[in-house]
N, C-alpha and C. Protein backbone atom coordinates (compact mmCIF):
# COMPACT_ATOMS: atom_id res chain seq x y z
N UNK A 1 -16.54 46.65 42.84
CA UNK A 1 -15.34 45.89 43.22
C UNK A 1 -15.60 45.02 44.43
N UNK A 2 -14.82 43.98 44.52
CA UNK A 2 -14.89 43.05 45.63
C UNK A 2 -13.51 43.06 46.28
N UNK A 3 -13.42 43.49 47.53
CA UNK A 3 -12.14 43.63 48.20
C UNK A 3 -11.82 42.40 49.03
N UNK A 4 -10.62 41.85 48.83
CA UNK A 4 -10.18 40.67 49.57
C UNK A 4 -8.71 40.83 49.96
N UNK A 5 -8.31 40.03 50.92
CA UNK A 5 -6.91 39.97 51.31
C UNK A 5 -6.17 39.02 50.37
N UNK A 6 -4.86 39.18 50.29
CA UNK A 6 -4.06 38.27 49.48
C UNK A 6 -4.16 36.85 50.02
N UNK A 7 -4.13 35.89 49.13
CA UNK A 7 -4.19 34.46 49.46
C UNK A 7 -5.52 34.01 50.06
N UNK A 8 -6.52 34.83 49.97
CA UNK A 8 -7.84 34.43 50.46
C UNK A 8 -8.51 33.55 49.40
N UNK A 9 -9.23 32.53 49.83
CA UNK A 9 -9.98 31.71 48.89
C UNK A 9 -11.15 32.50 48.33
N UNK A 10 -11.22 32.57 47.01
CA UNK A 10 -12.35 33.21 46.35
C UNK A 10 -13.20 32.12 45.71
N UNK A 11 -14.48 32.13 46.00
CA UNK A 11 -15.41 31.15 45.44
C UNK A 11 -16.30 31.87 44.44
N UNK A 12 -16.36 31.33 43.22
CA UNK A 12 -17.17 31.93 42.18
C UNK A 12 -18.17 30.93 41.64
N UNK A 13 -19.24 31.48 41.10
CA UNK A 13 -20.28 30.65 40.51
C UNK A 13 -20.80 31.36 39.27
N UNK A 14 -20.91 30.62 38.20
CA UNK A 14 -21.48 31.14 36.95
C UNK A 14 -22.77 30.38 36.69
N UNK A 15 -23.85 31.12 36.47
CA UNK A 15 -25.15 30.51 36.25
C UNK A 15 -25.67 30.86 34.87
N UNK A 16 -26.21 29.88 34.21
CA UNK A 16 -26.84 30.07 32.91
C UNK A 16 -28.34 30.24 33.13
N UNK A 17 -28.89 31.30 32.60
CA UNK A 17 -30.32 31.55 32.74
C UNK A 17 -30.98 31.31 31.39
N UNK A 18 -31.68 30.19 31.29
CA UNK A 18 -32.32 29.80 30.04
C UNK A 18 -33.59 29.01 30.35
N UNK A 19 -34.54 29.07 29.45
CA UNK A 19 -35.77 28.28 29.63
C UNK A 19 -35.55 26.83 29.21
N UNK A 20 -34.40 26.54 28.58
CA UNK A 20 -34.08 25.18 28.16
C UNK A 20 -33.39 24.45 29.31
N UNK A 21 -34.02 23.43 29.90
CA UNK A 21 -33.42 22.72 31.04
C UNK A 21 -32.34 21.72 30.63
N UNK A 22 -32.14 21.51 29.34
CA UNK A 22 -31.19 20.51 28.88
C UNK A 22 -29.86 21.11 28.45
N UNK A 23 -29.41 22.12 29.18
CA UNK A 23 -28.13 22.75 28.87
C UNK A 23 -27.19 22.59 30.05
N UNK A 24 -25.91 22.53 29.74
CA UNK A 24 -24.87 22.43 30.76
C UNK A 24 -23.84 23.52 30.48
N UNK A 25 -23.23 24.04 31.55
CA UNK A 25 -22.23 25.10 31.39
C UNK A 25 -20.87 24.58 31.87
N UNK A 26 -19.82 24.99 31.17
CA UNK A 26 -18.46 24.51 31.42
C UNK A 26 -17.50 25.69 31.42
N UNK A 27 -16.64 25.78 32.44
CA UNK A 27 -15.62 26.83 32.50
C UNK A 27 -14.45 26.40 31.62
N UNK A 28 -14.24 27.09 30.52
CA UNK A 28 -13.18 26.73 29.58
C UNK A 28 -11.90 27.48 29.90
N UNK A 29 -11.99 28.80 30.04
CA UNK A 29 -10.80 29.63 30.22
C UNK A 29 -11.09 30.79 31.18
N UNK A 30 -10.18 31.05 32.10
CA UNK A 30 -10.25 32.23 32.97
C UNK A 30 -8.86 32.85 33.02
N UNK A 31 -8.82 34.13 32.67
CA UNK A 31 -7.56 34.87 32.63
C UNK A 31 -7.71 36.13 33.49
N UNK A 32 -6.68 36.44 34.25
CA UNK A 32 -6.66 37.63 35.09
C UNK A 32 -5.74 38.68 34.48
N UNK A 33 -6.08 39.94 34.73
CA UNK A 33 -5.28 41.05 34.23
C UNK A 33 -5.40 42.24 35.19
N UNK A 34 -4.37 43.09 35.27
CA UNK A 34 -4.50 44.31 36.08
C UNK A 34 -5.24 45.42 35.32
N UNK A 35 -5.50 45.21 34.03
CA UNK A 35 -6.16 46.21 33.18
C UNK A 35 -7.48 45.64 32.68
N UNK A 36 -8.61 46.25 33.02
CA UNK A 36 -9.90 45.69 32.62
C UNK A 36 -10.16 45.72 31.11
N UNK A 37 -9.37 46.48 30.37
CA UNK A 37 -9.59 46.57 28.91
C UNK A 37 -8.49 45.87 28.11
N UNK A 38 -7.57 45.19 28.80
CA UNK A 38 -6.47 44.52 28.09
C UNK A 38 -6.18 43.17 28.74
N UNK A 39 -6.61 42.11 28.09
CA UNK A 39 -6.36 40.76 28.59
C UNK A 39 -5.37 40.03 27.69
N UNK A 40 -4.42 40.80 27.11
CA UNK A 40 -3.41 40.21 26.24
C UNK A 40 -1.98 40.51 26.68
N UNK A 41 -1.73 41.69 27.23
CA UNK A 41 -0.37 42.12 27.53
C UNK A 41 0.17 41.49 28.81
N UNK A 42 -0.36 41.90 29.95
CA UNK A 42 0.06 41.36 31.24
C UNK A 42 -1.10 40.54 31.79
N UNK A 43 -0.96 39.22 31.75
CA UNK A 43 -2.05 38.35 32.18
C UNK A 43 -1.54 37.21 33.03
N UNK A 44 -2.48 36.56 33.69
CA UNK A 44 -2.19 35.36 34.46
C UNK A 44 -3.33 34.39 34.21
N UNK A 45 -3.02 33.19 33.75
CA UNK A 45 -4.03 32.21 33.42
C UNK A 45 -4.35 31.33 34.63
N UNK A 46 -5.64 31.23 34.94
CA UNK A 46 -6.09 30.31 35.97
C UNK A 46 -6.44 28.97 35.36
N UNK A 47 -7.11 29.01 34.21
CA UNK A 47 -7.48 27.81 33.47
C UNK A 47 -7.54 28.18 32.00
N UNK A 48 -7.03 27.31 31.13
CA UNK A 48 -7.00 27.56 29.68
C UNK A 48 -7.42 26.29 28.96
N UNK A 49 -8.43 26.39 28.13
CA UNK A 49 -8.95 25.23 27.37
C UNK A 49 -9.28 24.05 28.29
N UNK A 50 -9.81 24.38 29.48
CA UNK A 50 -10.17 23.34 30.43
C UNK A 50 -9.01 22.79 31.23
N UNK A 51 -7.79 23.25 30.95
CA UNK A 51 -6.59 22.78 31.65
C UNK A 51 -6.23 23.76 32.76
N UNK A 52 -6.16 23.27 33.98
CA UNK A 52 -5.84 24.11 35.13
C UNK A 52 -4.40 24.58 35.05
N UNK A 53 -4.19 25.90 35.16
CA UNK A 53 -2.85 26.50 35.10
C UNK A 53 -2.39 27.00 36.46
N UNK A 54 -3.32 27.33 37.33
CA UNK A 54 -2.99 27.84 38.66
C UNK A 54 -3.20 26.73 39.68
N UNK A 55 -2.20 26.46 40.53
CA UNK A 55 -2.32 25.34 41.47
C UNK A 55 -3.41 25.54 42.53
N UNK A 56 -3.88 26.76 42.72
CA UNK A 56 -4.93 26.99 43.72
C UNK A 56 -6.34 26.91 43.11
N UNK A 57 -6.42 26.75 41.79
CA UNK A 57 -7.72 26.68 41.12
C UNK A 57 -8.37 25.31 41.40
N UNK A 58 -9.64 25.35 41.75
CA UNK A 58 -10.40 24.11 41.96
C UNK A 58 -11.80 24.30 41.39
N UNK A 59 -12.31 23.25 40.77
CA UNK A 59 -13.70 23.27 40.35
C UNK A 59 -14.49 22.45 41.36
N UNK A 60 -15.76 22.78 41.51
CA UNK A 60 -16.60 22.12 42.51
C UNK A 60 -17.85 21.54 41.87
N UNK A 61 -18.31 20.47 42.48
CA UNK A 61 -19.55 19.85 42.03
C UNK A 61 -20.72 20.81 42.22
N UNK A 62 -21.61 20.84 41.27
CA UNK A 62 -22.85 21.58 41.39
C UNK A 62 -24.00 20.62 41.10
N UNK A 63 -25.05 20.65 41.90
CA UNK A 63 -26.20 19.78 41.64
C UNK A 63 -26.99 20.22 40.41
N UNK A 64 -26.64 21.38 39.88
CA UNK A 64 -27.36 21.92 38.72
C UNK A 64 -26.43 21.97 37.52
N UNK A 65 -26.86 21.44 36.39
CA UNK A 65 -26.01 21.41 35.20
C UNK A 65 -25.79 22.80 34.61
N UNK A 66 -26.67 23.75 34.94
CA UNK A 66 -26.52 25.10 34.40
C UNK A 66 -25.76 26.04 35.33
N UNK A 67 -25.04 25.45 36.29
CA UNK A 67 -24.23 26.22 37.24
C UNK A 67 -22.82 25.64 37.28
N UNK A 68 -21.82 26.50 37.13
CA UNK A 68 -20.42 26.09 37.26
C UNK A 68 -19.84 26.78 38.49
N UNK A 69 -19.15 26.03 39.32
CA UNK A 69 -18.56 26.57 40.55
C UNK A 69 -17.07 26.30 40.56
N UNK A 70 -16.31 27.33 40.97
CA UNK A 70 -14.86 27.17 41.06
C UNK A 70 -14.29 28.16 42.06
N UNK A 71 -13.03 27.96 42.42
CA UNK A 71 -12.36 28.85 43.36
C UNK A 71 -10.89 28.95 43.01
N UNK A 72 -10.26 29.98 43.56
CA UNK A 72 -8.81 30.15 43.48
C UNK A 72 -8.39 31.10 44.59
N UNK A 73 -7.10 31.14 44.88
CA UNK A 73 -6.59 32.06 45.90
C UNK A 73 -6.34 33.42 45.29
N UNK A 74 -6.73 34.46 46.01
CA UNK A 74 -6.52 35.82 45.51
C UNK A 74 -5.03 36.13 45.44
N UNK A 75 -4.67 37.01 44.52
CA UNK A 75 -3.28 37.38 44.29
C UNK A 75 -3.25 38.80 43.76
N UNK A 76 -2.05 39.32 43.55
CA UNK A 76 -1.92 40.65 42.96
C UNK A 76 -0.82 40.61 41.89
N UNK A 77 -0.90 41.58 40.98
CA UNK A 77 0.13 41.75 39.97
C UNK A 77 1.13 42.77 40.50
N UNK A 78 2.21 42.30 41.03
CA UNK A 78 3.25 43.17 41.58
C UNK A 78 2.58 44.33 42.33
N UNK A 79 3.27 45.06 43.10
CA UNK A 79 2.66 46.06 43.98
C UNK A 79 2.10 47.29 43.29
N UNK A 80 2.48 47.55 42.05
CA UNK A 80 2.04 48.79 41.42
C UNK A 80 0.64 48.71 40.81
N UNK A 81 0.03 47.54 40.82
CA UNK A 81 -1.32 47.37 40.29
C UNK A 81 -2.29 47.10 41.45
N UNK A 82 -3.21 48.00 41.70
CA UNK A 82 -4.09 47.84 42.87
C UNK A 82 -5.22 46.83 42.67
N UNK A 83 -5.54 46.49 41.42
CA UNK A 83 -6.69 45.63 41.17
C UNK A 83 -6.35 44.47 40.25
N UNK A 84 -7.16 43.44 40.33
CA UNK A 84 -7.07 42.29 39.44
C UNK A 84 -8.45 42.10 38.83
N UNK A 85 -8.49 41.98 37.51
CA UNK A 85 -9.75 41.76 36.79
C UNK A 85 -9.74 40.36 36.21
N UNK A 86 -10.89 39.75 36.21
CA UNK A 86 -11.01 38.38 35.75
C UNK A 86 -11.93 38.32 34.53
N UNK A 87 -11.49 37.61 33.51
CA UNK A 87 -12.30 37.39 32.31
C UNK A 87 -12.37 35.89 32.07
N UNK A 88 -13.59 35.36 32.04
CA UNK A 88 -13.76 33.92 31.85
C UNK A 88 -14.59 33.63 30.61
N UNK A 89 -14.23 32.56 29.95
CA UNK A 89 -14.99 32.07 28.81
C UNK A 89 -15.66 30.77 29.23
N UNK A 90 -16.96 30.73 29.09
CA UNK A 90 -17.72 29.54 29.43
C UNK A 90 -18.36 28.98 28.17
N UNK A 91 -18.56 27.69 28.17
CA UNK A 91 -19.16 27.01 27.03
C UNK A 91 -20.49 26.43 27.48
N UNK A 92 -21.48 26.56 26.62
CA UNK A 92 -22.80 26.00 26.89
C UNK A 92 -23.03 24.87 25.90
N UNK A 93 -23.43 23.71 26.42
CA UNK A 93 -23.63 22.52 25.58
C UNK A 93 -24.95 21.86 25.95
N UNK A 94 -25.35 20.91 25.12
CA UNK A 94 -26.52 20.08 25.41
C UNK A 94 -26.16 19.09 26.51
N UNK A 95 -27.05 18.92 27.44
CA UNK A 95 -26.87 17.95 28.53
C UNK A 95 -26.73 16.55 27.94
N UNK A 96 -25.76 15.80 28.41
CA UNK A 96 -25.47 14.42 27.98
C UNK A 96 -24.97 14.30 26.55
N UNK A 97 -24.52 15.39 25.93
CA UNK A 97 -23.89 15.31 24.61
C UNK A 97 -22.39 15.14 24.85
N UNK A 98 -21.97 13.90 25.01
CA UNK A 98 -20.61 13.61 25.43
C UNK A 98 -19.56 13.90 24.37
N UNK A 99 -19.98 14.22 23.16
CA UNK A 99 -19.02 14.63 22.12
C UNK A 99 -18.81 16.14 22.14
N UNK A 100 -19.55 16.86 22.96
CA UNK A 100 -19.45 18.32 23.00
C UNK A 100 -18.24 18.77 23.83
N UNK A 101 -17.87 20.01 23.69
CA UNK A 101 -16.73 20.59 24.40
C UNK A 101 -16.89 20.48 25.92
N UNK A 102 -18.10 20.58 26.42
CA UNK A 102 -18.33 20.56 27.87
C UNK A 102 -17.88 19.27 28.53
N UNK A 103 -17.86 18.19 27.79
CA UNK A 103 -17.53 16.88 28.36
C UNK A 103 -16.11 16.43 28.03
N UNK A 104 -15.34 17.26 27.32
CA UNK A 104 -13.98 16.87 26.93
C UNK A 104 -12.94 17.17 28.00
N UNK A 105 -13.23 18.09 28.91
CA UNK A 105 -12.27 18.44 29.95
C UNK A 105 -11.09 19.20 29.38
N UNK A 106 -9.89 18.88 29.85
CA UNK A 106 -8.68 19.57 29.42
C UNK A 106 -8.34 19.20 27.98
N UNK A 107 -8.19 20.22 27.16
CA UNK A 107 -7.83 19.99 25.76
C UNK A 107 -6.52 20.73 25.50
N UNK A 108 -5.44 19.97 25.40
CA UNK A 108 -4.14 20.59 25.09
C UNK A 108 -3.91 20.46 23.60
N UNK A 109 -3.52 21.55 23.00
CA UNK A 109 -3.32 21.57 21.55
C UNK A 109 -1.83 21.38 21.25
N UNK A 110 -1.55 20.43 20.37
CA UNK A 110 -0.17 20.15 19.99
C UNK A 110 0.05 20.66 18.58
N UNK A 111 1.23 21.23 18.33
CA UNK A 111 1.57 21.68 16.98
C UNK A 111 2.06 20.49 16.17
N UNK A 112 1.68 20.50 14.90
CA UNK A 112 2.12 19.41 14.03
C UNK A 112 3.57 19.61 13.63
N UNK A 113 4.24 18.53 13.34
CA UNK A 113 5.61 18.58 12.88
C UNK A 113 5.60 18.97 11.39
N UNK A 114 6.32 20.03 11.03
CA UNK A 114 6.36 20.50 9.65
C UNK A 114 7.60 19.99 8.93
N UNK A 115 8.23 18.97 9.49
CA UNK A 115 9.44 18.42 8.88
C UNK A 115 9.14 17.66 7.60
N UNK A 116 10.15 17.07 7.00
CA UNK A 116 10.00 16.36 5.72
C UNK A 116 9.05 15.25 5.91
């Protein structure tokens, strides 16, 4: 565990370890939960499909394409939950493949109209 005070800036970094130098990593989704085995019932979204959901979430420049850096302010789930667990989904793409998910940024999905 990593112990922090509430509202403290947390800086995270995800690194891809591969012998292929032509890969890039992208933070697609990060969800927090008070239960490490359940990320569906009580959750809080920091970023979803590349779209920032938490106002304290920030992504940072990295000089390395295989490293993603981001931060957010620490928080808690009401007083009865002592811990917060984070689950992130990252996408790995080919460097300079601008049609790949890594280069699309925020992707909001719209439902189609099922009317006449």
